[in-house]
Amino acid sequence: MERGPAIFAGAVFALFGGGLLVWTATSLRQRRPVAHGVSPVASATLAGLAAVIALILGTWCFSRL
């Protein structure tokens, strides 16, 4: 993988995953719904899983440098 696209993709995945993880944790701590109209446990689990996958993809992109 070329350096420029790998750095960009890694940064995007890392920022998105970190932001989603912080937002989900903050919403759960304040007892606000993560997604309206969905089970709180299911929405928090899905959002947390998406955040962890994005962080793993960001790490993988950075490891390709």
Protein backbone atom coordinates (compact mmCIF):
# COMPACT_ATOMS: atom_id res chain seq x y z
CA MET A 1 0.00 0.00 0.00
CA GLU A 2 1.32 3.45 -0.78
CA ARG A 3 2.23 5.68 2.14
CA GLY A 4 -0.13 8.61 1.46
CA PRO A 5 -3.37 6.64 1.13
CA ALA A 6 -2.40 4.37 4.05
CA ILE A 7 -1.81 7.33 6.34
CA PHE A 8 -5.06 9.00 5.26
CA ALA A 9 -7.16 5.84 5.59
CA GLY A 10 -5.57 4.97 8.94
CA ALA A 11 -6.24 8.46 10.28
CA VAL A 12 -9.86 8.42 9.11
CA PHE A 13 -10.54 4.99 10.61
CA ALA A 14 -8.79 5.88 13.88
CA LEU A 15 -10.59 9.21 14.28
CA PHE A 16 -13.98 7.72 13.43
CA GLY A 17 -13.52 4.72 15.71
CA GLY A 18 -12.22 6.82 18.59
CA GLY A 19 -14.97 9.40 18.21
CA LEU A 20 -17.69 6.77 18.02
CA LEU A 21 -16.32 4.96 21.05
CA VAL A 22 -16.17 8.18 23.12
CA TRP A 23 -19.65 9.23 21.99
CA THR A 24 -21.13 5.82 22.83
CA ALA A 25 -19.49 5.73 26.25
CA THR A 26 -20.63 9.28 27.02
CA SER A 27 -24.20 8.49 25.97
CA LEU A 28 -24.26 5.37 28.12
CA ARG A 29 -22.78 7.17 31.13
CA GLN A 30 -25.43 9.90 30.91
CA ARG A 31 -28.16 7.28 30.37
CA ARG A 32 -29.12 8.76 27.00
CA PRO A 33 -30.15 6.49 24.13
CA VAL A 34 -27.43 5.62 21.65
CA ALA A 35 -30.05 5.23 18.89
CA HIS A 36 -33.70 6.24 19.14
CA GLY A 37 -36.29 3.51 18.73
CA VAL A 38 -33.84 0.64 19.22
CA SER A 39 -33.05 -1.49 22.24
CA PRO A 40 -30.41 0.32 24.36
CA VAL A 41 -28.31 -2.82 24.74
CA ALA A 42 -28.43 -3.66 21.03
CA SER A 43 -27.60 -0.13 19.90
CA ALA A 44 -24.73 0.25 22.36
CA THR A 45 -23.33 -3.16 21.38
CA LEU A 46 -23.54 -2.42 17.66
CA ALA A 47 -22.00 1.04 18.03
CA GLY A 48 -19.21 -0.33 20.22
CA LEU A 49 -18.52 -3.13 17.76
CA ALA A 50 -18.38 -0.68 14.84
CA ALA A 51 -15.98 1.54 16.79
CA VAL A 52 -13.66 -1.35 17.63
CA ILE A 53 -13.68 -2.57 14.02
CA ALA A 54 -12.81 0.94 12.79
CA LEU A 55 -9.94 1.16 15.30
CA ILE A 56 -8.64 -2.25 14.17
CA LEU A 57 -8.79 -1.16 10.53
CA GLY A 58 -6.93 2.04 11.38
CA THR A 59 -4.25 0.05 13.16
CA TRP A 60 -3.98 -2.30 10.21
CA CYS A 61 -3.56 0.64 7.80
CA PHE A 62 -0.83 2.15 9.96
CA SER A 63 0.93 -1.21 10.22
CA ARG A 64 1.21 -1.31 6.42
CA LEU A 65 3.57 1.69 6.37
